[in-house]
Structure formats: C-alpha cells, structure tokens
C-alpha cells in the first residue's frame, strides 16, 4: 500500500503546478477539442503608453475574460467598451458563441450589464461584504461573421 502525504503550500514548485495543469488538460482532451487560445487586447496612447487592456482565453466556443483594466485617468471614455468589443469580435472570428466574465460588486457589474451581459450566478461574502457576479453573453455574428458566411 502506498503511503500518501498531503502537502499544502503557497510556494509550489513550478514543475508540480505545471504537472497538475498538464494532466487535467490531458484528461479534458478526451472529451473536447484542443482549441484553447490566449486573447489579449491593448489600448495605447499616442506615446505608446499602455492605458488599458484585456486578457482572456477562447476555448470550446467560449470567450472567457480574465482581466479588464483601464487606467484611472482614462475611465468613462468608452475605452473599456471598445476593448470588450474588440475581444468579442475576435472571439466570433474564432468560432465562439458565448462570453463569460466575473466581477466583484465593487468593480464593474453595471458596465458589463450595459454591454449586454446577464448575471447567471452570484456568490456572497467575499471579505465579508462583497459579492462575486458571474455573467454571460450570447455572441451574435453579423452578416460577415462565422454564422453569416
């Protein structure tokens, strides 16, 4: 019988963490296509200074937005909406049909709702006072998009 030792750490060896990810992905490949792709969209000022950006992945016909940030001095100028629109357009080109995002109650719930995202779940109690909102949006292709060809 093998002896099992449970290890809890906040400083894992990179190889150990990578092994877990690789093994999970290997298992998933038995059920799904291997189409995970990184998607980043950046907003730059005339001097090439980064003033906003979005990081996401696309997979299995979904766009999943991880992070969206716009510099404080450039907020409420439509930059966030333009970043999201660019990500959604690229996701459609990649064959995505839906988009996912989550946000805390102190972040951007109204922003995402204004872009057509609908809440499908919520977890309360983060830090004892904040909610985490899970939102989705059906992506519709235009006349020249994937479903309009």
N, C-alpha and C. Protein backbone atom coordinates (compact mmCIF):
# COMPACT_ATOMS: atom_id res chain seq x y z
N UNK A 1 0.85 -1.18 0.00
CA UNK A 1 0.00 0.00 0.00
C UNK A 1 0.89 1.23 0.00
N UNK A 2 0.55 2.19 -0.84
CA UNK A 2 1.30 3.44 -0.93
C UNK A 2 0.91 4.38 0.19
N UNK A 3 1.91 4.98 0.80
CA UNK A 3 1.65 5.97 1.84
C UNK A 3 1.41 7.31 1.16
N UNK A 4 0.36 7.98 1.57
CA UNK A 4 0.01 9.27 0.98
C UNK A 4 0.39 10.39 1.93
N UNK A 5 1.07 11.38 1.40
CA UNK A 5 1.43 12.56 2.19
C UNK A 5 0.79 13.77 1.51
N UNK A 6 -0.06 14.48 2.23
CA UNK A 6 -0.71 15.68 1.72
C UNK A 6 0.19 16.87 2.00
N UNK A 7 0.43 17.66 0.98
CA UNK A 7 1.29 18.83 1.11
C UNK A 7 0.47 20.08 0.76
N UNK A 8 0.43 21.06 1.63
CA UNK A 8 -0.25 22.33 1.39
C UNK A 8 0.81 23.41 1.36
N UNK A 9 0.80 24.23 0.29
CA UNK A 9 1.84 25.24 0.15
C UNK A 9 1.35 26.44 -0.65
N UNK A 10 1.93 27.58 -0.39
CA UNK A 10 1.66 28.74 -1.23
C UNK A 10 2.88 29.06 -2.09
N UNK A 11 3.84 28.17 -2.07
CA UNK A 11 5.04 28.31 -2.91
C UNK A 11 5.36 26.97 -3.57
N UNK A 12 4.48 26.53 -4.47
CA UNK A 12 4.71 25.23 -5.10
C UNK A 12 5.87 25.29 -6.08
N UNK A 13 6.49 24.17 -6.30
CA UNK A 13 7.48 24.07 -7.36
C UNK A 13 6.75 24.26 -8.69
N UNK A 14 7.32 25.05 -9.58
CA UNK A 14 6.67 25.32 -10.87
C UNK A 14 6.35 24.03 -11.61
N UNK A 15 7.25 23.08 -11.55
CA UNK A 15 7.04 21.82 -12.25
C UNK A 15 5.84 21.06 -11.69
N UNK A 16 5.63 21.12 -10.38
CA UNK A 16 4.49 20.43 -9.77
C UNK A 16 3.18 21.06 -10.22
N UNK A 17 3.10 22.39 -10.17
CA UNK A 17 1.88 23.08 -10.58
C UNK A 17 1.62 22.84 -12.07
N UNK A 18 2.66 22.91 -12.88
CA UNK A 18 2.52 22.68 -14.32
C UNK A 18 2.05 21.25 -14.60
N UNK A 19 2.51 20.29 -13.82
CA UNK A 19 2.12 18.90 -13.99
C UNK A 19 0.61 18.73 -13.76
N UNK A 20 0.08 19.37 -12.73
CA UNK A 20 -1.35 19.29 -12.44
C UNK A 20 -2.15 19.85 -13.61
N UNK A 21 -1.75 21.01 -14.11
CA UNK A 21 -2.44 21.63 -15.25
C UNK A 21 -2.36 20.71 -16.46
N UNK A 22 -1.18 20.19 -16.76
CA UNK A 22 -1.00 19.34 -17.93
C UNK A 22 -1.84 18.07 -17.84
N UNK A 23 -1.89 17.46 -16.67
CA UNK A 23 -2.67 16.24 -16.51
C UNK A 23 -4.17 16.50 -16.63
N UNK A 24 -4.62 17.63 -16.10
CA UNK A 24 -6.04 17.99 -16.22
C UNK A 24 -6.39 18.23 -17.68
N UNK A 25 -5.52 18.95 -18.39
CA UNK A 25 -5.77 19.21 -19.82
C UNK A 25 -5.73 17.91 -20.63
N UNK A 26 -4.84 17.01 -20.29
CA UNK A 26 -4.77 15.73 -20.99
C UNK A 26 -6.07 14.95 -20.82
N UNK A 27 -6.60 14.95 -19.63
CA UNK A 27 -7.88 14.28 -19.37
C UNK A 27 -8.99 14.93 -20.19
N UNK A 28 -9.04 16.28 -20.16
CA UNK A 28 -10.09 17.01 -20.87
C UNK A 28 -10.06 16.76 -22.37
N UNK A 29 -8.86 16.58 -22.94
CA UNK A 29 -8.73 16.35 -24.39
C UNK A 29 -9.48 15.10 -24.84
N UNK A 30 -9.73 14.20 -23.94
CA UNK A 30 -10.51 13.02 -24.28
C UNK A 30 -11.97 13.33 -24.55
N UNK A 31 -12.42 14.50 -24.16
CA UNK A 31 -13.82 14.88 -24.29
C UNK A 31 -14.04 16.11 -25.15
N UNK A 32 -13.00 16.89 -25.38
CA UNK A 32 -13.18 18.18 -26.02
C UNK A 32 -12.06 18.45 -27.02
N UNK A 33 -12.31 19.35 -27.95
CA UNK A 33 -11.23 19.72 -28.87
C UNK A 33 -10.15 20.52 -28.16
N UNK A 34 -8.95 20.46 -28.68
CA UNK A 34 -7.83 21.22 -28.12
C UNK A 34 -7.77 22.55 -28.85
N UNK A 35 -8.53 23.54 -28.37
CA UNK A 35 -8.58 24.81 -29.05
C UNK A 35 -8.44 26.00 -28.10
N UNK A 36 -7.74 25.81 -27.00
CA UNK A 36 -7.53 26.89 -26.03
C UNK A 36 -6.51 27.86 -26.61
N UNK A 37 -6.90 29.13 -26.70
CA UNK A 37 -6.02 30.16 -27.23
C UNK A 37 -6.08 31.41 -26.35
N UNK A 38 -4.95 32.02 -26.15
CA UNK A 38 -4.87 33.29 -25.43
C UNK A 38 -5.42 34.40 -26.31
N UNK A 39 -6.07 35.37 -25.69
CA UNK A 39 -6.55 36.55 -26.40
C UNK A 39 -6.27 37.76 -25.53
N UNK A 40 -5.49 38.68 -26.04
CA UNK A 40 -5.21 39.94 -25.34
C UNK A 40 -5.55 41.10 -26.26
N UNK A 41 -6.10 42.15 -25.69
CA UNK A 41 -6.42 43.37 -26.41
C UNK A 41 -5.83 44.52 -25.59
N UNK A 42 -5.09 45.41 -26.24
CA UNK A 42 -4.44 46.51 -25.53
C UNK A 42 -4.87 47.85 -26.10
N UNK A 43 -4.95 48.85 -25.25
CA UNK A 43 -5.22 50.23 -25.65
C UNK A 43 -3.99 51.04 -25.30
N UNK A 44 -3.45 51.74 -26.29
CA UNK A 44 -2.24 52.53 -26.09
C UNK A 44 -2.48 53.98 -26.49
N UNK A 45 -1.84 54.88 -25.76
CA UNK A 45 -1.88 56.31 -26.08
C UNK A 45 -0.92 56.59 -27.23
N UNK A 46 -0.94 57.81 -27.73
CA UNK A 46 -0.06 58.19 -28.84
C UNK A 46 1.41 57.95 -28.54
N UNK A 47 1.80 58.05 -27.27
CA UNK A 47 3.20 57.84 -26.89
C UNK A 47 3.51 56.36 -26.63
N UNK A 48 2.59 55.46 -27.01
CA UNK A 48 2.71 54.02 -26.87
C UNK A 48 2.53 53.54 -25.43
N UNK A 49 2.13 54.43 -24.54
CA UNK A 49 1.89 54.08 -23.13
C UNK A 49 0.62 53.24 -23.04
N UNK A 50 0.70 52.14 -22.31
CA UNK A 50 -0.44 51.27 -22.12
C UNK A 50 -1.43 51.94 -21.17
N UNK A 51 -2.66 52.16 -21.65
CA UNK A 51 -3.67 52.80 -20.81
C UNK A 51 -4.84 51.87 -20.49
N UNK A 52 -4.81 50.69 -21.08
CA UNK A 52 -5.87 49.74 -20.80
C UNK A 52 -5.60 48.42 -21.49
N UNK A 53 -6.31 47.41 -21.06
CA UNK A 53 -6.13 46.13 -21.70
C UNK A 53 -7.05 45.07 -21.14
N UNK A 54 -7.07 43.98 -21.85
CA UNK A 54 -7.94 42.86 -21.52
C UNK A 54 -7.15 41.58 -21.77
N UNK A 55 -7.25 40.65 -20.85
CA UNK A 55 -6.68 39.32 -21.05
C UNK A 55 -7.82 38.31 -20.98
N UNK A 56 -7.75 37.32 -21.85
CA UNK A 56 -8.82 36.34 -21.93
C UNK A 56 -8.28 35.07 -22.58
N UNK A 57 -9.13 34.07 -22.63
CA UNK A 57 -8.86 32.88 -23.41
C UNK A 57 -10.13 32.54 -24.18
N UNK A 58 -9.93 31.87 -25.31
CA UNK A 58 -11.06 31.32 -26.04
C UNK A 58 -10.89 29.80 -26.07
N UNK A 59 -11.98 29.10 -25.91
CA UNK A 59 -11.97 27.65 -25.94
C UNK A 59 -13.40 27.14 -26.03
N UNK A 60 -13.56 26.03 -26.73
CA UNK A 60 -14.82 25.30 -26.80
C UNK A 60 -16.01 26.22 -27.13
N UNK A 61 -15.79 27.18 -28.01
CA UNK A 61 -16.80 28.13 -28.46
C UNK A 61 -17.17 29.16 -27.41
N UNK A 62 -16.27 29.40 -26.44
CA UNK A 62 -16.49 30.40 -25.42
C UNK A 62 -15.33 31.39 -25.36
N UNK A 63 -15.65 32.63 -25.08
CA UNK A 63 -14.68 33.65 -24.72
C UNK A 63 -14.76 33.79 -23.21
N UNK A 64 -13.65 33.67 -22.51
CA UNK A 64 -13.63 33.86 -21.06
C UNK A 64 -12.68 35.00 -20.74
N UNK A 65 -13.25 36.12 -20.30
CA UNK A 65 -12.46 37.30 -19.97
C UNK A 65 -11.92 37.12 -18.56
N UNK A 66 -10.61 37.23 -18.42
CA UNK A 66 -9.98 37.10 -17.12
C UNK A 66 -9.82 38.45 -16.44
N UNK A 67 -9.21 39.39 -17.14
CA UNK A 67 -8.93 40.70 -16.57
C UNK A 67 -9.23 41.79 -17.58
N UNK A 68 -9.84 42.87 -17.11
CA UNK A 68 -10.05 44.08 -17.91
C UNK A 68 -9.63 45.25 -17.03
N UNK A 69 -8.75 46.08 -17.57
CA UNK A 69 -8.25 47.22 -16.81
C UNK A 69 -8.13 48.43 -17.72
N UNK A 70 -8.56 49.59 -17.21
CA UNK A 70 -8.34 50.87 -17.88
C UNK A 70 -7.78 51.81 -16.83
N UNK A 71 -6.72 52.52 -17.19
CA UNK A 71 -6.09 53.47 -16.28
C UNK A 71 -7.13 54.46 -15.75
N UNK A 72 -7.01 54.78 -14.48
CA UNK A 72 -7.97 55.65 -13.80
C UNK A 72 -8.22 56.95 -14.57
N UNK A 73 -7.18 57.55 -15.14
CA UNK A 73 -7.32 58.81 -15.86
C UNK A 73 -8.07 58.67 -17.18
N UNK A 74 -8.27 57.46 -17.64
CA UNK A 74 -8.90 57.23 -18.94
C UNK A 74 -10.23 56.50 -18.83
N UNK A 75 -10.73 56.32 -17.62
CA UNK A 75 -12.01 55.65 -17.44
C UNK A 75 -13.17 56.57 -17.84
N UNK A 76 -14.28 55.96 -18.13
CA UNK A 76 -15.50 56.65 -18.53
C UNK A 76 -15.32 57.39 -19.86
N UNK A 77 -14.43 56.86 -20.70
CA UNK A 77 -14.18 57.42 -22.03
C UNK A 77 -14.56 56.43 -23.12
N UNK A 78 -15.13 55.30 -22.75
CA UNK A 78 -15.52 54.29 -23.72
C UNK A 78 -14.43 53.29 -24.06
N UNK A 79 -13.25 53.46 -23.44
CA UNK A 79 -12.15 52.55 -23.76
C UNK A 79 -12.46 51.11 -23.36
N UNK A 80 -13.05 50.92 -22.20
CA UNK A 80 -13.38 49.57 -21.75
C UNK A 80 -14.35 48.89 -22.70
N UNK A 81 -15.35 49.62 -23.15
CA UNK A 81 -16.33 49.06 -24.09
C UNK A 81 -15.65 48.71 -25.41
N UNK A 82 -14.72 49.54 -25.87
CA UNK A 82 -14.01 49.25 -27.12
C UNK A 82 -13.11 48.02 -26.96
N UNK A 83 -12.48 47.87 -25.81
CA UNK A 83 -11.66 46.67 -25.56
C UNK A 83 -12.53 45.42 -25.59
N UNK A 84 -13.67 45.48 -24.93
CA UNK A 84 -14.58 44.33 -24.91
C UNK A 84 -15.10 44.03 -26.31
N UNK A 85 -15.46 45.06 -27.07
CA UNK A 85 -15.97 44.84 -28.43
C UNK A 85 -14.91 44.18 -29.30
N UNK A 86 -13.67 44.61 -29.17
CA UNK A 86 -12.59 44.01 -29.96
C UNK A 86 -12.40 42.54 -29.58
N UNK A 87 -12.47 42.23 -28.28
CA UNK A 87 -12.32 40.85 -27.83
C UNK A 87 -13.47 39.99 -28.33
N UNK A 88 -14.69 40.52 -28.26
CA UNK A 88 -15.85 39.77 -28.73
C UNK A 88 -15.78 39.54 -30.24
N UNK A 89 -15.33 40.55 -31.00
CA UNK A 89 -15.20 40.39 -32.45
C UNK A 89 -14.18 39.30 -32.80
N UNK A 90 -13.05 39.31 -32.11
CA UNK A 90 -12.04 38.27 -32.35
C UNK A 90 -12.57 36.90 -31.93
N UNK A 91 -13.30 36.86 -30.82
CA UNK A 91 -13.88 35.59 -30.36
C UNK A 91 -14.84 35.02 -31.41
N UNK A 92 -15.64 35.88 -32.02
CA UNK A 92 -16.53 35.43 -33.08
C UNK A 92 -15.73 34.86 -34.25
N UNK A 93 -14.64 35.52 -34.60
CA UNK A 93 -13.79 35.02 -35.68
C UNK A 93 -13.22 33.64 -35.33
N UNK A 94 -13.03 33.40 -34.05
CA UNK A 94 -12.51 32.11 -33.60
C UNK A 94 -13.61 31.06 -33.42
N UNK A 95 -14.84 31.43 -33.71
CA UNK A 95 -15.95 30.48 -33.61
C UNK A 95 -16.66 30.46 -32.27
N UNK A 96 -16.41 31.43 -31.43
CA UNK A 96 -17.08 31.48 -30.12
C UNK A 96 -18.53 31.89 -30.28
N UNK A 97 -19.36 31.35 -29.42
CA UNK A 97 -20.79 31.66 -29.43
C UNK A 97 -21.25 32.36 -28.16
N UNK A 98 -20.44 32.26 -27.12
CA UNK A 98 -20.80 32.90 -25.85
C UNK A 98 -19.57 33.49 -25.20
N UNK A 99 -19.82 34.40 -24.25
CA UNK A 99 -18.73 35.01 -23.49
C UNK A 99 -19.06 34.91 -22.01
N UNK A 100 -18.01 34.74 -21.21
CA UNK A 100 -18.12 34.65 -19.75
C UNK A 100 -17.22 35.69 -19.11
N UNK A 101 -17.67 36.24 -18.00
CA UNK A 101 -16.85 37.16 -17.22
C UNK A 101 -17.36 37.11 -15.78
N UNK A 102 -16.48 37.40 -14.84
CA UNK A 102 -16.95 37.57 -13.47
C UNK A 102 -16.38 38.87 -12.93
N UNK A 103 -17.09 39.45 -11.98
CA UNK A 103 -16.69 40.73 -11.41
C UNK A 103 -17.20 40.82 -9.99
N UNK A 104 -16.49 41.54 -9.16
CA UNK A 104 -16.94 41.77 -7.79
C UNK A 104 -17.87 42.96 -7.74
N UNK A 105 -18.67 43.04 -6.68
CA UNK A 105 -19.65 44.10 -6.54
C UNK A 105 -19.01 45.49 -6.48
N UNK A 106 -17.74 45.59 -6.12
CA UNK A 106 -17.07 46.89 -6.08
C UNK A 106 -16.38 47.22 -7.41
N UNK A 107 -16.52 46.34 -8.39
CA UNK A 107 -15.83 46.52 -9.67
C UNK A 107 -16.78 47.04 -10.75
N UNK A 108 -17.21 46.20 -11.65
CA UNK A 108 -17.82 46.70 -12.89
C UNK A 108 -19.11 45.98 -13.29
N UNK A 109 -19.94 45.60 -12.34
CA UNK A 109 -21.17 44.88 -12.67
C UNK A 109 -22.02 45.66 -13.67
N UNK A 110 -22.29 46.93 -13.39
CA UNK A 110 -23.13 47.75 -14.28
C UNK A 110 -22.53 47.91 -15.66
N UNK A 111 -21.22 48.01 -15.73
CA UNK A 111 -20.52 48.13 -17.01
C UNK A 111 -20.81 46.92 -17.89
N UNK A 112 -20.63 45.71 -17.34
CA UNK A 112 -20.86 44.51 -18.12
C UNK A 112 -22.33 44.36 -18.50
N UNK A 113 -23.22 44.71 -17.59
CA UNK A 113 -24.65 44.63 -17.89
C UNK A 113 -25.02 45.58 -19.03
N UNK A 114 -24.41 46.76 -19.05
CA UNK A 114 -24.67 47.71 -20.12
C UNK A 114 -24.19 47.19 -21.48
N UNK A 115 -23.23 46.27 -21.46
CA UNK A 115 -22.72 45.66 -22.69
C UNK A 115 -23.53 44.42 -23.09
N UNK A 116 -24.59 44.12 -22.35
CA UNK A 116 -25.44 43.00 -22.70
C UNK A 116 -25.18 41.72 -21.96
N UNK A 117 -24.29 41.75 -20.97
CA UNK A 117 -24.01 40.55 -20.18
C UNK A 117 -25.11 40.38 -19.13
N UNK A 118 -25.51 39.13 -18.92
CA UNK A 118 -26.55 38.82 -17.96
C UNK A 118 -25.99 37.94 -16.86
N UNK A 119 -26.36 38.28 -15.64
CA UNK A 119 -25.89 37.51 -14.49
C UNK A 119 -26.56 36.14 -14.46
N UNK A 120 -25.75 35.11 -14.24
CA UNK A 120 -26.31 33.77 -14.10
C UNK A 120 -25.94 33.14 -12.76
N UNK A 121 -25.13 33.84 -11.98
CA UNK A 121 -24.76 33.31 -10.67
C UNK A 121 -24.12 34.39 -9.82
N UNK A 122 -24.18 34.16 -8.51
CA UNK A 122 -23.60 35.11 -7.57
C UNK A 122 -23.18 34.38 -6.30
N UNK A 123 -22.00 34.72 -5.82
CA UNK A 123 -21.53 34.21 -4.53
C UNK A 123 -21.33 35.40 -3.60
N UNK A 124 -21.90 35.33 -2.45
CA UNK A 124 -21.81 36.43 -1.48
C UNK A 124 -20.76 36.14 -0.42
N UNK A 125 -20.29 37.19 0.22
CA UNK A 125 -19.47 37.03 1.41
C UNK A 125 -17.98 37.15 1.23
N UNK A 126 -17.49 37.59 0.07
CA UNK A 126 -16.05 37.79 -0.09
C UNK A 126 -15.64 38.97 0.79
N UNK A 127 -14.64 38.75 1.60
CA UNK A 127 -14.19 39.77 2.56
C UNK A 127 -15.32 40.14 3.52
N UNK A 128 -16.32 39.29 3.60
CA UNK A 128 -17.44 39.55 4.48
C UNK A 128 -18.42 40.58 3.98
N UNK A 129 -18.17 41.17 2.80
CA UNK A 129 -19.07 42.25 2.35
C UNK A 129 -19.30 42.34 0.84
N UNK A 130 -18.54 41.61 0.04
CA UNK A 130 -18.65 41.76 -1.41
C UNK A 130 -19.25 40.51 -2.05
N UNK A 131 -19.94 40.75 -3.15
CA UNK A 131 -20.48 39.65 -3.95
C UNK A 131 -19.62 39.48 -5.19
N UNK A 132 -19.53 38.25 -5.65
CA UNK A 132 -18.88 37.97 -6.93
C UNK A 132 -19.97 37.58 -7.91
N UNK A 133 -20.04 38.31 -9.01
CA UNK A 133 -21.09 38.14 -10.01
C UNK A 133 -20.52 37.40 -11.22
N UNK A 134 -21.25 36.41 -11.70
CA UNK A 134 -20.87 35.64 -12.87
C UNK A 134 -21.85 35.99 -13.99
N UNK A 135 -21.30 36.43 -15.12
CA UNK A 135 -22.13 36.91 -16.21
C UNK A 135 -21.80 36.21 -17.52
N UNK A 136 -22.77 36.19 -18.43
CA UNK A 136 -22.59 35.59 -19.74
C UNK A 136 -23.29 36.44 -20.77
N UNK A 137 -22.85 36.26 -22.00
CA UNK A 137 -23.45 36.97 -23.12
C UNK A 137 -23.42 36.05 -24.33
N UNK A 138 -24.51 35.98 -25.04
CA UNK A 138 -24.55 35.26 -26.30
C UNK A 138 -23.95 36.19 -27.35
N UNK A 139 -22.96 35.69 -28.06
CA UNK A 139 -22.30 36.48 -29.10
C UNK A 139 -23.02 36.24 -30.43
N UNK A 140 -23.43 37.30 -31.05
CA UNK A 140 -24.15 37.20 -32.31
C UNK A 140 -23.26 37.67 -33.45
N UNK A 141 -23.13 36.83 -34.43
CA UNK A 141 -22.32 37.19 -35.60
C UNK A 141 -23.13 38.08 -36.52
N UNK A 142 -22.45 39.05 -37.12
CA UNK A 142 -23.07 39.92 -38.10
C UNK A 142 -23.13 39.22 -39.45
N UNK A 143 -23.52 39.95 -40.50
CA UNK A 143 -23.69 39.33 -41.81
C UNK A 143 -22.40 38.75 -42.39
N UNK A 144 -21.22 39.24 -41.94
CA UNK A 144 -19.97 38.69 -42.46
C UNK A 144 -19.27 37.83 -41.41
N UNK A 145 -19.92 37.58 -40.28
CA UNK A 145 -19.32 36.77 -39.22
C UNK A 145 -19.43 35.29 -39.53
N UNK A 146 -18.99 34.44 -38.59
CA UNK A 146 -18.95 33.00 -38.82
C UNK A 146 -20.27 32.39 -39.22
N UNK A 147 -21.39 32.82 -38.62
CA UNK A 147 -22.66 32.19 -38.97
C UNK A 147 -23.31 32.85 -40.18
N UNK A 148 -22.73 33.98 -40.65
CA UNK A 148 -23.30 34.67 -41.79
C UNK A 148 -22.60 34.36 -43.09
N UNK A 149 -21.66 33.46 -43.10
CA UNK A 149 -20.92 33.13 -44.33
C UNK A 149 -21.74 32.22 -45.24
